[in-house]
Amino acid sequence: MVLQSLIAEITGQVPQQAEKLVEQIAAGRLLVVIFEDTAGALRVWQNELLKINGDAIREMNMWVACVPADGQPALLNGRPTDLPVAELRQALSEGMSGAFQVVLLNFDGEVILRANGPVTIEQLADAVGRTGSASGTPANDIGRLL
């Protein structure tokens, strides 16, 4: 699965499972998935970074899903929810069960940012801006529209 995910990222192909998960969880939105140990300091740090400017996250049309590694309930935008945790781990975590990881997916389920540590809202916005995902326009088409 790790090799399949790596090949998909390099070639730009979206694994069908990831695309379906984005449609199921956050249709029409960007999705940040945080794989975490809920008792860990990294989770607290990441949450504080995202709380700094929640309006910016909403303006980017982005939802945040937290997938804990310690049996705690999954969260979507800070609220407990019934997410397909096993499927998210299989499709996105690259075999790093229990490890902290942040994955940003565009509207089509493509990974546009992957980090092994907390990310800032600015880093999320930069990744979205580089790919043109904020408008749903692929980055390689932006030049033609200007």
C-alpha atoms as a PDB file:
ATOM      1  CA  MET A   1       0.000   0.000   0.000  1.00  0.00           C
ATOM      2  CA  VAL A   2       2.870   2.378   0.788  1.00  0.00           C
ATOM      3  CA  LEU A   3       4.418   1.830  -2.642  1.00  0.00           C
ATOM      4  CA  GLN A   4       1.043   2.265  -4.311  1.00  0.00           C
ATOM      5  CA  SER A   5       0.494   5.558  -2.461  1.00  0.00           C
ATOM      6  CA  LEU A   6       3.990   6.804  -3.359  1.00  0.00           C
ATOM      7  CA  ILE A   7       3.529   5.942  -7.046  1.00  0.00           C
ATOM      8  CA  ALA A   8       0.154   7.702  -7.040  1.00  0.00           C
ATOM      9  CA  GLU A   9       1.709  10.858  -5.529  1.00  0.00           C
ATOM     10  CA  ILE A  10       4.597  10.868  -8.025  1.00  0.00           C
ATOM     11  CA  THR A  11       2.405  10.271 -11.075  1.00  0.00           C
ATOM     12  CA  GLY A  12      -0.436  12.481  -9.892  1.00  0.00           C
ATOM     13  CA  GLN A  13      -2.926   9.624 -10.000  1.00  0.00           C
ATOM     14  CA  VAL A  14      -5.465   9.629  -7.204  1.00  0.00           C
ATOM     15  CA  PRO A  15      -6.128   6.270  -5.567  1.00  0.00           C
ATOM     16  CA  GLN A  16      -9.828   5.606  -6.086  1.00  0.00           C
ATOM     17  CA  GLN A  17     -10.239   4.870  -2.380  1.00  0.00           C
ATOM     18  CA  ALA A  18      -8.871   8.312  -1.361  1.00  0.00           C
ATOM     19  CA  GLU A  19     -11.123  10.095  -3.840  1.00  0.00           C
ATOM     20  CA  LYS A  20     -14.187   8.253  -2.533  1.00  0.00           C
ATOM     21  CA  LEU A  21     -13.240   9.049   1.072  1.00  0.00           C
ATOM     22  CA  VAL A  22     -12.978  12.779   0.342  1.00  0.00           C
ATOM     23  CA  GLU A  23     -16.353  12.684  -1.403  1.00  0.00           C
ATOM     24  CA  GLN A  24     -17.845  10.790   1.539  1.00  0.00           C
ATOM     25  CA  ILE A  25     -16.393  13.021   4.289  1.00  0.00           C
ATOM     26  CA  ALA A  26     -16.050  16.495   2.807  1.00  0.00           C
ATOM     27  CA  ALA A  27     -17.581  16.693  -0.663  1.00  0.00           C
ATOM     28  CA  GLY A  28     -16.657  19.973  -2.343  1.00  0.00           C
ATOM     29  CA  ARG A  29     -14.124  20.903   0.338  1.00  0.00           C
ATOM     30  CA  LEU A  30     -10.426  20.583   0.999  1.00  0.00           C
ATOM     31  CA  LEU A  31      -9.727  18.057   3.750  1.00  0.00           C
ATOM     32  CA  VAL A  32      -6.927  18.077   6.310  1.00  0.00           C
ATOM     33  CA  VAL A  33      -6.498  14.660   7.935  1.00  0.00           C
ATOM     34  CA  ILE A  34      -4.433  14.560  11.116  1.00  0.00           C
ATOM     35  CA  PHE A  35      -3.262  11.106  12.190  1.00  0.00           C
ATOM     36  CA  GLU A  36      -2.405  11.414  15.855  1.00  0.00           C
ATOM     37  CA  ASP A  37      -1.968  10.035  19.317  1.00  0.00           C
ATOM     38  CA  THR A  38      -4.593  12.100  21.128  1.00  0.00           C
ATOM     39  CA  ALA A  39      -2.492  12.309  24.298  1.00  0.00           C
ATOM     40  CA  GLY A  40       0.575  13.541  22.419  1.00  0.00           C
ATOM     41  CA  ALA A  41       2.088  16.991  22.600  1.00  0.00           C
ATOM     42  CA  LEU A  42       2.086  17.203  18.787  1.00  0.00           C
ATOM     43  CA  ARG A  43      -1.717  17.039  18.720  1.00  0.00           C
ATOM     44  CA  VAL A  44      -2.012  19.860  21.255  1.00  0.00           C
ATOM     45  CA  TRP A  45       0.494  21.935  19.276  1.00  0.00           C
ATOM     46  CA  GLN A  46      -1.337  21.267  15.982  1.00  0.00           C
ATOM     47  CA  ASN A  47      -4.704  22.171  17.497  1.00  0.00           C
ATOM     48  CA  GLU A  48      -3.315  25.443  18.854  1.00  0.00           C
ATOM     49  CA  LEU A  49      -1.843  26.317  15.445  1.00  0.00           C
ATOM     50  CA  LEU A  50      -5.217  25.752  13.757  1.00  0.00           C
ATOM     51  CA  LYS A  51      -7.136  27.740  16.401  1.00  0.00           C
ATOM     52  CA  ILE A  52      -5.089  30.867  15.675  1.00  0.00           C
ATOM     53  CA  ASN A  53      -7.242  31.743  12.685  1.00  0.00           C
ATOM     54  CA  GLY A  54     -10.231  29.458  12.187  1.00  0.00           C
ATOM     55  CA  ASP A  55     -11.714  32.010   9.781  1.00  0.00           C
ATOM     56  CA  ALA A  56      -8.846  31.398   7.348  1.00  0.00           C
ATOM     57  CA  ILE A  57      -9.584  27.663   7.367  1.00  0.00           C
ATOM     58  CA  ARG A  58     -13.265  28.338   6.654  1.00  0.00           C
ATOM     59  CA  GLU A  59     -12.352  30.810   3.886  1.00  0.00           C
ATOM     60  CA  MET A  60     -10.276  28.087   2.209  1.00  0.00           C
ATOM     61  CA  ASN A  61     -13.359  25.823   2.318  1.00  0.00           C
ATOM     62  CA  MET A  62     -11.389  23.328   4.410  1.00  0.00           C
ATOM     63  CA  TRP A  63     -12.505  20.735   6.944  1.00  0.00           C
ATOM     64  CA  VAL A  64     -10.220  19.129   9.526  1.00  0.00           C
ATOM     65  CA  ALA A  65     -10.491  15.437  10.427  1.00  0.00           C
ATOM     66  CA  CYS A  66      -8.549  14.063  13.407  1.00  0.00           C
ATOM     67  CA  VAL A  67      -7.887  10.333  13.378  1.00  0.00           C
ATOM     68  CA  PRO A  68      -6.599   9.200  16.783  1.00  0.00           C
ATOM     69  CA  ALA A  69      -4.354   6.209  17.322  1.00  0.00           C
ATOM     70  CA  ASP A  70      -5.447   5.467  20.886  1.00  0.00           C
ATOM     71  CA  GLY A  71      -9.080   4.433  20.531  1.00  0.00           C
ATOM     72  CA  GLN A  72     -10.521   7.906  21.128  1.00  0.00           C
ATOM     73  CA  PRO A  73     -13.346   8.979  18.799  1.00  0.00           C
ATOM     74  CA  ALA A  74     -12.479  10.577  15.483  1.00  0.00           C
ATOM     75  CA  LEU A  75     -13.244  14.277  15.125  1.00  0.00           C
ATOM     76  CA  LEU A  76     -14.465  16.328  12.188  1.00  0.00           C
ATOM     77  CA  ASN A  77     -14.061  20.074  12.719  1.00  0.00           C
ATOM     78  CA  GLY A  78     -13.586  19.446  16.441  1.00  0.00           C
ATOM     79  CA  ARG A  79     -16.732  17.368  16.926  1.00  0.00           C
ATOM     80  CA  PRO A  80     -16.865  13.603  17.546  1.00  0.00           C
ATOM     81  CA  THR A  81     -18.056  11.802  14.446  1.00  0.00           C
ATOM     82  CA  ASP A  82     -18.177   8.378  12.872  1.00  0.00           C
ATOM     83  CA  LEU A  83     -15.403   8.588  10.280  1.00  0.00           C
ATOM     84  CA  PRO A  84     -14.167   5.542   8.333  1.00  0.00           C
ATOM     85  CA  VAL A  85     -10.955   5.456  10.402  1.00  0.00           C
ATOM     86  CA  ALA A  86      -9.609   2.145   9.056  1.00  0.00           C
ATOM     87  CA  GLU A  87     -10.152   3.253   5.463  1.00  0.00           C
ATOM     88  CA  LEU A  88      -8.507   6.633   6.084  1.00  0.00           C
ATOM     89  CA  ARG A  89      -5.478   4.941   7.637  1.00  0.00           C
ATOM     90  CA  GLN A  90      -5.206   2.462   4.769  1.00  0.00           C
ATOM     91  CA  ALA A  91      -5.561   5.085   2.047  1.00  0.00           C
ATOM     92  CA  LEU A  92      -3.481   7.906   3.510  1.00  0.00           C
ATOM     93  CA  SER A  93      -1.241   7.129   6.463  1.00  0.00           C
ATOM     94  CA  GLU A  94       1.435   5.259   4.484  1.00  0.00           C
ATOM     95  CA  GLY A  95       1.727   2.533   7.118  1.00  0.00           C
ATOM     96  CA  MET A  96       2.647   4.963   9.900  1.00  0.00           C
ATOM     97  CA  SER A  97       0.110   3.633  12.407  1.00  0.00           C
ATOM     98  CA  GLY A  98       0.174   5.676  15.590  1.00  0.00           C
ATOM     99  CA  ALA A  99       2.612   8.240  14.210  1.00  0.00           C
ATOM    100  CA  PHE A 100       1.695  11.904  13.925  1.00  0.00           C
ATOM    101  CA  GLN A 101       1.079  12.977  10.351  1.00  0.00           C
ATOM    102  CA  VAL A 102      -0.824  15.765   8.603  1.00  0.00           C
ATOM    103  CA  VAL A 103      -2.221  15.143   5.109  1.00  0.00           C
ATOM    104  CA  LEU A 104      -3.955  17.842   3.046  1.00  0.00           C
ATOM    105  CA  LEU A 105      -6.196  16.591   0.238  1.00  0.00           C
ATOM    106  CA  ASN A 106      -7.636  18.694  -2.553  1.00  0.00           C
ATOM    107  CA  PHE A 107     -11.197  18.429  -3.867  1.00  0.00           C
ATOM    108  CA  ASP A 108     -10.258  15.395  -5.984  1.00  0.00           C
ATOM    109  CA  GLY A 109      -8.593  13.462  -3.155  1.00  0.00           C
ATOM    110  CA  GLU A 110      -5.042  14.240  -4.297  1.00  0.00           C
ATOM    111  CA  VAL A 111      -2.431  14.690  -1.567  1.00  0.00           C
ATOM    112  CA  ILE A 112      -1.126  18.255  -1.867  1.00  0.00           C
ATOM    113  CA  LEU A 113       0.741  18.378   1.461  1.00  0.00           C
ATOM    114  CA  ARG A 114       2.127  15.711   3.784  1.00  0.00           C
ATOM    115  CA  ALA A 115       3.990  16.534   7.000  1.00  0.00           C
ATOM    116  CA  ASN A 116       5.313  14.516   9.936  1.00  0.00           C
ATOM    117  CA  GLY A 117       4.929  17.480  12.282  1.00  0.00           C
ATOM    118  CA  PRO A 118       2.399  20.210  12.985  1.00  0.00           C
ATOM    119  CA  VAL A 119       1.649  22.655  10.167  1.00  0.00           C
ATOM    120  CA  THR A 120       0.538  26.270  10.289  1.00  0.00           C
ATOM    121  CA  ILE A 121      -2.464  27.759   8.530  1.00  0.00           C
ATOM    122  CA  GLU A 122       0.021  29.622   6.315  1.00  0.00           C
ATOM    123  CA  GLN A 123       1.627  26.327   5.234  1.00  0.00           C
ATOM    124  CA  LEU A 124      -1.812  24.933   4.378  1.00  0.00           C
ATOM    125  CA  ALA A 125      -2.670  28.105   2.436  1.00  0.00           C
ATOM    126  CA  ASP A 126       0.672  27.959   0.566  1.00  0.00           C
ATOM    127  CA  ALA A 127       0.022  24.335  -0.473  1.00  0.00           C
ATOM    128  CA  VAL A 128      -3.469  25.249  -1.646  1.00  0.00           C
ATOM    129  CA  GLY A 129      -2.149  28.296  -3.519  1.00  0.00           C
ATOM    130  CA  ARG A 130       0.634  26.339  -5.242  1.00  0.00           C
ATOM    131  CA  THR A 131      -1.820  23.796  -6.605  1.00  0.00           C
ATOM    132  CA  GLY A 132      -4.674  26.148  -7.441  1.00  0.00           C
ATOM    133  CA  SER A 133      -6.944  24.032  -5.249  1.00  0.00           C
ATOM    134  CA  ALA A 134      -8.600  27.011  -3.592  1.00  0.00           C
ATOM    135  CA  SER A 135     -10.658  27.643  -6.695  1.00  0.00           C
ATOM    136  CA  GLY A 136     -10.805  24.041  -7.835  1.00  0.00           C
ATOM    137  CA  THR A 137      -8.534  25.043 -10.735  1.00  0.00           C
ATOM    138  CA  PRO A 138      -5.416  22.920 -11.326  1.00  0.00           C
ATOM    139  CA  ALA A 139      -2.211  24.918 -10.891  1.00  0.00           C
ATOM    140  CA  ASN A 140      -1.103  24.249 -14.481  1.00  0.00           C
ATOM    141  CA  ASP A 141      -4.293  25.944 -15.765  1.00  0.00           C
ATOM    142  CA  ILE A 142      -3.956  29.145 -13.733  1.00  0.00           C
ATOM    143  CA  GLY A 143      -1.669  30.862 -16.237  1.00  0.00           C
ATOM    144  CA  ARG A 144      -4.245  30.422 -19.004  1.00  0.00           C
ATOM    145  CA  LEU A 145      -6.907  32.176 -16.940  1.00  0.00           C
ATOM    146  CA  LEU A 146      -4.873  35.324 -16.156  1.00  0.00           C
END
